[in-house]
Amino acid sequence: MNILVINAGSSSLKYQLIRMEDESILCKGVCERIGIDGKYSYKAMNGYKVEKEADLFTHKDAFDVILHEMVQGEGHVIDSVNEIAAIGHRVTHGGDKFSHSVLVDEATIDAIANMRDISPLHNPPQAATIRACRTVFGEALPMAAVFDTAFHATMPPKAYTFAIPYKYYEEHGVRRYGFHGTSHRYVSGRMAELLGEMPHRLITCHLGNGSSLAAIKDGKVVDTSMGFTPLDGIIMGTRCGSIDPSIVSYIANLENLHERGMNRLLNNESGLLGVSGVSSDFRDVLEEAENGNERAQLAADMLEYQLVKLIGSYAAALGGVDAILFTGGIGENAMGLREQVMDDGTGVCYRVPEFDLEVSAQDENPYKTMEYNQLALQLFQMGFFREDMADQALRCLELMEFKNKDQLTAAILQGKQQAAMAQTAEGAASGGGMAVKQTAMERMRQQTHEAVRPR
């Protein structure tokens, strides 16, 4: 069975065709600059690649191109559209109406489009995309809509209600919705698979160009950092995150900016980019900070500080925390940031093991032949480089029940032998700020991983 997955924006369309029997990607690509000049990429599992400019005046034109490449192109991967069993669409905003994924019909499309007031940049083009998809692929083909906001629908009113006149919620739906729900749902479920059960109190941190945190109790979201829009929360690549609302009117008057100009400033010119003056990419910011750029260092420090502050507040709201999970481009790869967040949170009310859920799926996983493979690799990739960190891992293991517990304990004890090497790296980084430590710890990551690899 093949499933086509669509992630559409106002002028772009990303897609993947997935064979569900083994979850392999048959083809994938992106259509860009739709409605402007248009170009697309297509990559098939057989190695065929193509990148072309094309007349993509509408999303329907984009679907026509995709269908041609998949079925008739030189790198085609299916012989007929009938080999596609269903299509899944990512939709940004489900509002109060959609608390779970739904099958698409005309009423669903209308409801998505009618949320234009609360999601003007995303929902209207996504509704148009679904209609275009039905035109190209046929209305008989089942389609599902998956909403970014749905996973957060379990938040209680005390968490999602803003302290403004209540009529704006009743009449216009102004409330906290939260986003990145598909990510928070997936990684929390993945952690439950690795541990054998869902942690009672879990904090998930999706950190990328857009970032959000979620406080999850027994698998249900009780709070999340993004709000009415994805602008709210912690500092992001180009988004400001939470600020004093009065700043908006102050800068608008200062710069003679209207709504569109302020939206651009807060969504596209702020965040890491606005503070550092360097880049919206955290890797670039860290590199500049290491080279002595004070504003880049400030941007990196702000991200780390806001993470600690928000994780601490969520731990308090949850009555403690049993696990903290990092995902997204920054969450998965910025090991020094994760380490600093966990260090600075010590004594606040948390100190728990961190799990990198993506690592276990990689082919180079050295533990893939062992029954304890996934949990073991997560513990090592966290970087239990210091003696106290290894000791805490061992204490966590005492509370867990799973196969091959003794072998994993022995492996962590072996990892403690790397403590001196790690302490040297940390000592070299002291006084240089978080960015220098990030670089040192990244160098240590592969060395330590190799040192504990079973031979």
Protein backbone atom coordinates (compact mmCIF):
# COMPACT_ATOMS: atom_id res chain seq x y z
CA MET A 1 0.00 0.00 0.00
CA ASN A 2 1.37 3.43 -1.01
CA ILE A 3 0.50 6.66 0.79
CA LEU A 4 1.17 10.12 -0.66
CA VAL A 5 1.96 12.70 2.04
CA ILE A 6 1.52 16.41 1.28
CA ASN A 7 2.82 19.42 3.21
CA ALA A 8 1.66 22.56 1.41
CA GLY A 9 2.40 26.21 1.99
CA SER A 10 1.13 29.31 0.24
CA SER A 11 3.76 29.04 -2.51
CA SER A 12 5.31 25.62 -1.93
CA LEU A 13 4.37 21.95 -1.83
CA LYS A 14 6.50 19.20 -0.28
CA TYR A 15 5.61 15.58 -0.95
CA GLN A 16 6.64 11.98 -0.28
CA LEU A 17 5.24 8.73 -1.62
CA ILE A 18 5.68 6.06 1.07
CA ARG A 19 5.37 2.30 0.68
CA MET A 20 3.77 1.36 3.96
CA GLU A 21 4.83 -2.30 4.07
CA ASP A 22 8.40 -1.28 4.90
CA GLU A 23 7.87 2.50 5.27
CA SER A 24 10.35 3.17 2.48
CA ILE A 25 10.17 6.42 0.52
CA LEU A 26 9.51 5.69 -3.17
CA CYS A 27 9.95 9.32 -4.18
CA LYS A 28 10.00 12.76 -2.67
CA GLY A 29 10.48 16.37 -3.65
CA VAL A 30 9.26 19.92 -3.46
CA CYS A 31 7.49 22.38 -5.72
CA GLU A 32 8.50 25.98 -5.05
CA ARG A 33 7.58 29.51 -6.08
CA ILE A 34 4.05 28.45 -7.00
CA GLY A 35 2.23 31.41 -8.49
CA ILE A 36 5.52 33.19 -9.25
CA ASP A 37 7.83 31.50 -11.76
CA GLY A 38 7.88 27.95 -10.45
CA LYS A 39 10.41 25.15 -10.08
CA TYR A 40 10.31 21.63 -8.71
CA SER A 41 12.52 18.74 -7.61
CA TYR A 42 11.84 15.02 -7.80
CA LYS A 43 13.98 12.23 -6.33
CA ALA A 44 13.15 8.54 -6.75
CA MET A 45 14.39 5.62 -4.66
CA ASN A 46 16.15 4.22 -7.75
CA GLY A 47 18.51 7.21 -7.66
CA TYR A 48 16.84 9.24 -10.40
CA LYS A 49 16.83 12.98 -9.67
CA VAL A 50 15.48 15.96 -11.52
CA GLU A 51 15.28 19.68 -10.80
CA LYS A 52 13.45 21.85 -13.29
CA GLU A 53 11.83 25.19 -13.74
CA ALA A 54 8.16 24.86 -14.63
CA ASP A 55 5.02 26.96 -15.06
CA LEU A 56 3.45 26.41 -11.66
CA PHE A 57 0.76 29.06 -11.64
CA THR A 58 -1.41 27.14 -9.15
CA HIS A 59 -1.15 24.19 -6.78
CA LYS A 60 -3.07 22.17 -9.37
CA ASP A 61 -0.17 22.71 -11.78
CA ALA A 62 2.19 21.42 -9.07
CA PHE A 63 0.13 18.25 -8.58
CA ASP A 64 0.05 17.68 -12.35
CA VAL A 65 3.86 17.78 -12.42
CA ILE A 66 4.17 15.44 -9.43
CA LEU A 67 1.73 12.93 -10.89
CA HIS A 68 3.53 12.96 -14.25
CA GLU A 69 6.92 12.28 -12.65
CA MET A 70 5.58 9.50 -10.42
CA VAL A 71 3.63 7.68 -13.14
CA GLN A 72 5.08 8.58 -16.54
CA GLY A 73 8.44 10.26 -15.98
CA GLU A 74 11.85 8.74 -16.59
CA GLY A 75 12.15 7.98 -12.87
CA HIS A 76 8.56 6.85 -12.37
CA VAL A 77 7.93 4.64 -9.32
CA ILE A 78 4.34 3.55 -9.99
CA ASP A 79 2.46 2.65 -13.17
CA SER A 80 -0.91 4.14 -12.27
CA VAL A 81 -2.53 6.53 -9.82
CA ASN A 82 -4.52 3.49 -8.69
CA GLU A 83 -1.39 2.32 -6.86
CA ILE A 84 -1.85 5.20 -4.40
CA ALA A 85 -4.15 4.00 -1.63
CA ALA A 86 -4.63 7.34 0.15
CA ILE A 87 -3.30 10.87 0.52
CA GLY A 88 -2.48 12.63 3.79
CA HIS A 89 -2.44 16.42 4.11
CA ARG A 90 -0.75 18.37 6.87
CA VAL A 91 -2.97 21.30 7.90
CA THR A 92 -1.62 24.01 10.19
CA HIS A 93 -4.70 25.08 12.11
CA GLY A 94 -7.66 22.96 13.23
CA GLY A 95 -9.07 25.52 15.63
CA ASP A 96 -11.67 24.25 18.10
CA LYS A 97 -13.34 22.19 15.40
CA PHE A 98 -10.70 19.51 14.77
CA SER A 99 -9.19 17.73 17.75
CA HIS A 100 -8.01 14.72 15.72
CA SER A 101 -7.26 13.71 12.13
CA VAL A 102 -10.27 13.41 9.82
CA LEU A 103 -11.19 12.05 6.41
CA VAL A 104 -11.57 14.86 3.91
CA ASP A 105 -14.89 15.80 2.35
CA GLU A 106 -16.21 19.09 1.02
CA ALA A 107 -17.41 20.17 4.46
CA THR A 108 -13.93 19.56 5.88
CA ILE A 109 -12.32 21.68 3.18
CA ASP A 110 -14.81 24.49 3.81
CA ALA A 111 -14.13 24.38 7.55
CA ILE A 112 -10.36 24.57 6.97
CA ALA A 113 -10.78 27.51 4.60
CA ASN A 114 -13.13 29.30 6.99
CA MET A 115 -10.37 29.56 9.60
CA ARG A 116 -8.74 32.25 7.49
CA ASP A 117 -9.26 34.80 10.27
CA ILE A 118 -7.06 32.92 12.75
CA SER A 119 -4.65 31.40 10.21
CA PRO A 120 -4.60 33.69 7.16
CA LEU A 121 -1.20 32.60 5.85
CA HIS A 122 -1.71 28.85 6.04
CA ASN A 123 -5.28 27.56 6.05
CA PRO A 124 -6.65 29.19 2.86
CA PRO A 125 -3.81 27.90 0.64
CA GLN A 126 -3.96 24.50 2.33
CA ALA A 127 -7.69 24.25 1.65
CA ALA A 128 -7.05 25.25 -1.97
CA THR A 129 -4.30 22.63 -2.15
CA ILE A 130 -6.63 19.86 -0.98
CA ARG A 131 -9.20 20.88 -3.59
CA ALA A 132 -6.54 20.91 -6.30
CA CYS A 133 -5.34 17.49 -5.16
CA ARG A 134 -8.87 16.08 -5.42
CA THR A 135 -9.15 17.50 -8.93
CA VAL A 136 -5.93 15.87 -10.10
CA PHE A 137 -6.12 12.55 -8.27
CA GLY A 138 -9.90 12.14 -8.20
CA GLU A 139 -12.45 12.52 -5.42
CA ALA A 140 -12.75 8.75 -4.97
CA LEU A 141 -9.20 8.53 -3.57
CA PRO A 142 -9.38 8.71 0.27
CA MET A 143 -7.70 11.75 1.78
CA ALA A 144 -7.02 12.60 5.42
CA ALA A 145 -6.23 15.93 7.06
CA VAL A 146 -3.76 15.91 9.98
CA PHE A 147 -3.78 19.08 12.09
CA ASP A 148 -0.79 20.65 13.83
CA THR A 149 -3.06 21.89 16.60
CA ALA A 150 -4.93 18.64 17.27
CA PHE A 151 -2.51 17.04 19.75
CA HIS A 152 -2.82 20.09 22.00
CA ALA A 153 -6.62 19.87 22.18
CA THR A 154 -6.39 18.25 25.63
CA MET A 155 -5.16 21.46 27.27
CA PRO A 156 -7.48 22.63 30.09
CA PRO A 157 -9.14 26.07 29.88
CA LYS A 158 -6.79 27.49 32.52
CA ALA A 159 -3.89 26.80 30.12
CA TYR A 160 -5.42 27.90 26.82
CA THR A 161 -7.44 30.96 27.91
CA PHE A 162 -5.88 34.42 27.56
CA ALA A 163 -6.61 37.08 30.20
CA ILE A 164 -8.48 39.38 27.82
CA PRO A 165 -12.26 39.97 27.60
CA TYR A 166 -13.81 36.51 27.33
CA LYS A 167 -15.99 37.47 24.39
CA TYR A 168 -12.96 37.31 22.09
CA TYR A 169 -12.69 33.60 22.82
CA GLU A 170 -16.42 32.99 22.56
CA GLU A 171 -16.98 35.01 19.42
CA HIS A 172 -13.65 34.84 17.61
CA GLY A 173 -11.81 31.80 18.97
CA VAL A 174 -8.91 33.76 20.47
CA ARG A 175 -7.09 31.25 22.69
CA ARG A 176 -3.89 29.23 22.92
CA TYR A 177 -3.88 26.48 20.29
CA GLY A 178 -0.27 25.32 20.09
CA PHE A 179 1.54 23.98 17.04
CA HIS A 180 4.07 21.31 16.02
CA GLY A 181 1.49 18.85 17.33
CA THR A 182 2.43 16.15 14.83
CA SER A 183 6.03 16.30 16.09
CA HIS A 184 5.13 16.33 19.80
CA ARG A 185 2.73 13.43 19.29
CA TYR A 186 5.25 11.34 17.36
CA VAL A 187 8.24 11.78 19.65
CA SER A 188 6.22 11.26 22.85
CA GLY A 189 4.83 8.06 21.37
CA ARG A 190 8.30 7.00 20.29
CA MET A 191 9.62 7.54 23.81
CA ALA A 192 6.79 5.39 25.17
CA GLU A 193 7.91 2.64 22.76
CA LEU A 194 11.52 2.89 23.94
CA LEU A 195 10.67 2.87 27.63
CA GLY A 196 7.82 0.37 27.41
CA GLU A 197 5.33 2.89 28.78
CA MET A 198 4.47 6.57 28.51
CA PRO A 199 6.32 8.67 31.10
CA HIS A 200 3.88 10.07 33.66
CA ARG A 201 5.32 13.61 33.34
CA LEU A 202 7.07 14.41 30.08
CA ILE A 203 8.37 17.66 28.56
CA THR A 204 8.98 17.61 24.80
CA CYS A 205 11.18 20.27 23.19
CA HIS A 206 10.84 20.69 19.41
CA LEU A 207 13.74 23.01 18.56
CA GLY A 208 14.36 24.16 15.02
CA ASN A 209 13.84 27.32 12.99
CA GLY A 210 10.47 27.25 14.70
CA SER A 211 10.48 25.96 18.27
CA SER A 212 7.90 24.89 20.82
CA LEU A 213 7.69 22.97 24.08
CA ALA A 214 4.85 20.84 25.42
CA ALA A 215 4.07 19.65 28.95
CA ILE A 216 2.54 16.18 28.71
CA LYS A 217 0.95 14.21 31.54
CA ASP A 218 0.08 10.56 30.88
CA GLY A 219 0.22 11.14 27.14
CA LYS A 220 -2.01 14.24 27.10
CA VAL A 221 -0.85 17.83 26.60
CA VAL A 222 -1.58 20.12 29.54
CA ASP A 223 0.32 23.17 28.22
CA THR A 224 2.43 24.28 25.26
CA SER A 225 4.52 27.32 24.45
CA MET A 226 3.11 28.44 21.09
CA GLY A 227 -0.17 30.27 21.41
CA PHE A 228 -2.81 31.75 19.12
CA THR A 229 -0.18 31.68 16.38
CA PRO A 230 3.28 30.07 15.99
CA LEU A 231 4.85 33.42 16.94
CA ASP A 232 4.45 32.86 20.69
CA GLY A 233 6.87 31.02 22.97
CA ILE A 234 10.68 30.96 23.05
CA ILE A 235 13.11 32.78 20.76
CA MET A 236 13.24 31.13 17.30
CA GLY A 237 15.17 31.54 14.07
CA THR A 238 13.37 34.66 12.86
CA ARG A 239 10.43 34.83 15.31
CA CYS A 240 10.57 36.88 18.49
CA GLY A 241 8.64 34.52 20.77
CA SER A 242 6.85 35.95 23.80
CA ILE A 243 7.29 39.71 24.27
CA ASP A 244 5.43 42.50 26.05
CA PRO A 245 2.46 43.24 23.74
CA SER A 246 2.94 46.98 24.25
CA ILE A 247 6.20 46.71 22.31
CA VAL A 248 4.15 46.06 19.16
CA SER A 249 2.28 49.38 19.26
CA TYR A 250 5.42 51.23 20.43
CA ILE A 251 7.55 50.07 17.48
CA ALA A 252 4.63 50.50 15.06
CA ASN A 253 4.36 54.15 16.05
CA LEU A 254 8.13 54.58 16.14
CA GLU A 255 8.66 53.15 12.63
CA ASN A 256 5.26 54.11 11.16
CA LEU A 257 4.52 50.45 10.48
CA HIS A 258 1.10 49.00 9.84
CA GLU A 259 -0.10 45.44 10.49
CA ARG A 260 1.75 43.81 7.59
CA GLY A 261 5.01 45.56 8.43
CA MET A 262 4.82 44.57 12.10
CA ASN A 263 4.01 40.98 11.19
CA ARG A 264 7.08 40.89 8.96
CA LEU A 265 9.28 42.39 11.68
CA LEU A 266 8.14 39.97 14.39
CA ASN A 267 7.93 36.85 12.22
CA ASN A 268 10.77 37.29 9.74
CA GLU A 269 13.29 39.80 11.15
CA SER A 270 13.48 38.91 14.85
CA GLY A 271 14.60 35.90 16.90
CA LEU A 272 18.17 34.64 16.56
CA LEU A 273 18.57 36.68 13.38
CA GLY A 274 17.37 39.91 14.94
CA VAL A 275 19.47 39.63 18.10
CA SER A 276 22.67 38.24 16.56
CA GLY A 277 22.57 40.20 13.32
CA VAL A 278 24.26 37.12 11.83
CA SER A 279 21.81 34.41 10.85
CA SER A 280 18.63 32.60 11.76
CA ASP A 281 20.59 29.31 11.71
CA PHE A 282 21.73 28.30 15.19
CA ARG A 283 24.89 26.70 13.78
CA ASP A 284 25.96 30.01 12.26
CA VAL A 285 25.15 31.83 15.50
CA LEU A 286 27.30 29.40 17.53
CA GLU A 287 30.18 29.71 15.10
CA GLU A 288 30.12 33.49 15.33
CA ALA A 289 29.82 33.32 19.12
CA GLU A 290 32.91 31.12 19.25
CA ASN A 291 34.72 33.76 17.21
CA GLY A 292 33.92 36.39 19.82
CA ASN A 293 30.74 37.95 18.41
CA GLU A 294 29.01 39.23 21.55
CA ARG A 295 25.57 39.58 19.97
CA ALA A 296 25.74 36.03 18.64
CA GLN A 297 26.71 34.85 22.13
CA LEU A 298 23.78 36.80 23.56
CA ALA A 299 21.35 35.13 21.13
CA ALA A 300 22.66 31.66 22.06
CA ASP A 301 22.49 32.47 25.76
CA MET A 302 18.92 33.76 25.40
CA LEU A 303 17.78 30.51 23.81
CA GLU A 304 19.40 28.40 26.53
CA TYR A 305 18.05 30.63 29.31
CA GLN A 306 14.50 30.63 27.95
CA LEU A 307 14.58 26.85 27.59
CA VAL A 308 15.67 26.40 31.21
CA LYS A 309 13.03 28.85 32.41
CA LEU A 310 10.20 27.25 30.44
CA ILE A 311 11.20 23.66 31.25
CA GLY A 312 11.35 24.63 34.92
CA SER A 313 7.89 26.18 34.81
CA TYR A 314 6.47 23.11 33.06
CA ALA A 315 8.11 20.84 35.62
CA ALA A 316 6.35 22.85 38.32
CA ALA A 317 3.02 22.66 36.48
CA LEU A 318 3.39 18.89 36.08
CA GLY A 319 4.36 18.40 39.72
CA GLY A 320 7.80 17.19 38.68
CA VAL A 321 9.20 15.63 35.54
CA ASP A 322 10.15 12.07 34.62
CA ALA A 323 11.66 12.69 31.17
CA ILE A 324 12.74 15.56 28.95
CA LEU A 325 12.88 14.97 25.22
CA PHE A 326 14.65 17.02 22.54
CA THR A 327 13.86 16.84 18.82
CA GLY A 328 14.02 19.03 15.70
CA GLY A 329 17.17 20.20 13.95
CA ILE A 330 18.57 22.05 16.98
CA GLY A 331 17.16 19.62 19.52
CA GLU A 332 18.76 16.61 17.85
CA ASN A 333 22.13 18.08 16.90
CA ALA A 334 23.03 20.85 19.38
CA MET A 335 24.41 18.58 22.04
CA GLY A 336 26.17 21.36 23.93
CA LEU A 337 22.90 23.28 24.22
CA ARG A 338 21.11 20.23 25.58
CA GLU A 339 23.87 19.61 28.09
CA GLN A 340 23.85 23.22 29.25
CA VAL A 341 20.07 23.21 29.63
CA MET A 342 20.20 20.06 31.73
CA ASP A 343 23.09 21.40 33.84
CA ASP A 344 21.43 24.75 34.51
CA GLY A 345 18.17 23.01 35.38
CA THR A 346 19.79 20.95 38.12
CA GLY A 347 18.18 21.80 41.43
CA VAL A 348 15.22 23.55 39.84
CA CYS A 349 13.19 20.33 40.00
CA TYR A 350 14.58 18.13 37.28
CA ARG A 351 17.60 16.11 36.38
CA VAL A 352 16.58 13.25 34.15
CA PRO A 353 18.07 11.32 31.23
CA GLU A 354 17.70 12.82 27.78
CA PHE A 355 16.82 10.72 24.74
CA ASP A 356 17.70 11.37 21.09
CA LEU A 357 14.91 9.39 19.45
CA GLU A 358 16.12 9.74 15.89
CA VAL A 359 19.47 8.02 16.39
CA SER A 360 18.02 4.54 16.89
CA ALA A 361 16.55 4.53 13.39
CA GLN A 362 19.90 5.09 11.69
CA ASP A 363 21.64 2.23 9.93
CA GLU A 364 24.89 2.84 11.78
CA ASN A 365 23.29 2.02 15.15
CA PRO A 366 25.91 -0.33 16.71
CA TYR A 367 23.34 -1.82 19.08
CA LYS A 368 20.83 -2.91 16.45
CA THR A 369 21.40 -6.63 17.15
CA MET A 370 20.75 -6.25 20.89
CA GLU A 371 17.35 -6.42 22.56
CA TYR A 372 18.14 -3.29 24.57
CA ASN A 373 19.46 -1.48 21.49
CA GLN A 374 17.34 1.65 21.45
CA LEU A 375 17.45 2.59 25.12
CA ALA A 376 21.15 1.85 25.34
CA LEU A 377 22.01 4.09 22.44
CA GLN A 378 19.82 6.90 23.74
CA LEU A 379 21.67 6.87 27.07
CA PHE A 380 25.07 6.99 25.40
CA GLN A 381 24.14 9.62 22.82
CA MET A 382 22.93 11.88 25.58
CA GLY A 383 26.62 11.98 26.48
CA PHE A 384 26.99 10.61 30.01
CA PHE A 385 30.49 12.01 29.90
CA ARG A 386 30.86 13.02 33.54
CA GLU A 387 30.88 10.65 36.46
CA ASP A 388 27.82 12.21 38.08
CA MET A 389 25.86 11.90 34.84
CA ALA A 390 26.72 8.21 34.53
CA ASP A 391 25.74 7.70 38.16
CA GLN A 392 22.37 9.28 37.51
CA ALA A 393 21.87 7.01 34.53
CA LEU A 394 22.53 4.03 36.76
CA ARG A 395 20.05 5.31 39.34
CA CYS A 396 17.42 5.66 36.60
CA LEU A 397 18.12 2.10 35.49
CA GLU A 398 17.44 0.84 39.01
CA LEU A 399 13.86 2.09 38.63
CA MET A 400 13.31 0.54 35.18
CA GLU A 401 12.24 -2.97 34.25
CA PHE A 402 13.34 -4.32 30.87
CA LYS A 403 15.42 -7.09 29.34
CA ASN A 404 19.21 -7.03 29.42
CA LYS A 405 19.28 -4.50 32.22
CA ASP A 406 22.57 -5.93 33.55
CA GLN A 407 24.27 -5.59 30.17
CA LEU A 408 23.23 -1.96 29.85
CA THR A 409 24.43 -1.24 33.38
CA ALA A 410 27.81 -2.74 32.51
CA ALA A 411 27.96 -0.68 29.32
CA ILE A 412 27.31 2.55 31.22
CA LEU A 413 30.00 1.67 33.74
CA GLN A 414 32.34 1.24 30.80
CA GLY A 415 31.29 4.66 29.59
CA LYS A 416 32.38 6.18 32.91
CA GLN A 417 35.95 5.49 31.86
CA GLN A 418 35.56 8.39 29.43
CA ALA A 419 34.88 10.84 32.26
CA ALA A 420 38.43 12.22 32.43
CA MET A 421 38.44 12.89 28.69
CA ALA A 422 35.12 14.67 28.89
CA GLN A 423 36.15 16.73 31.91
CA THR A 424 39.20 17.89 29.96
CA ALA A 425 36.96 19.10 27.15
CA GLU A 426 34.65 20.83 29.59
CA GLY A 427 37.56 22.47 31.38
CA ALA A 428 38.90 23.77 28.09
CA ALA A 429 35.48 25.24 27.37
CA SER A 430 35.05 26.94 30.76
CA GLY A 431 34.98 30.70 30.61
CA GLY A 432 34.28 30.67 26.89
CA GLY A 433 30.52 30.67 27.08
CA MET A 434 28.03 28.09 25.93
CA ALA A 435 29.09 28.27 22.28
CA VAL A 436 32.65 27.11 23.00
CA LYS A 437 31.38 24.32 25.20
CA GLN A 438 29.02 23.30 22.41
CA THR A 439 31.95 22.89 20.02
CA ALA A 440 34.06 20.94 22.53
CA MET A 441 31.23 18.61 23.44
CA GLU A 442 30.38 17.95 19.79
CA ARG A 443 33.99 16.83 19.25
CA MET A 444 33.67 14.54 22.23
CA ARG A 445 30.44 12.98 21.03
CA GLN A 446 31.87 10.77 18.31
CA GLN A 447 34.99 9.91 20.30
CA THR A 448 32.97 8.69 23.26
CA HIS A 449 30.50 6.88 21.02
CA GLU A 450 33.38 4.96 19.43
CA ALA A 451 34.94 4.22 22.82
CA VAL A 452 31.84 2.42 24.08
CA ARG A 453 30.95 0.70 20.79
CA PRO A 454 30.72 -3.11 21.32
CA ARG A 455 33.48 -4.91 19.46
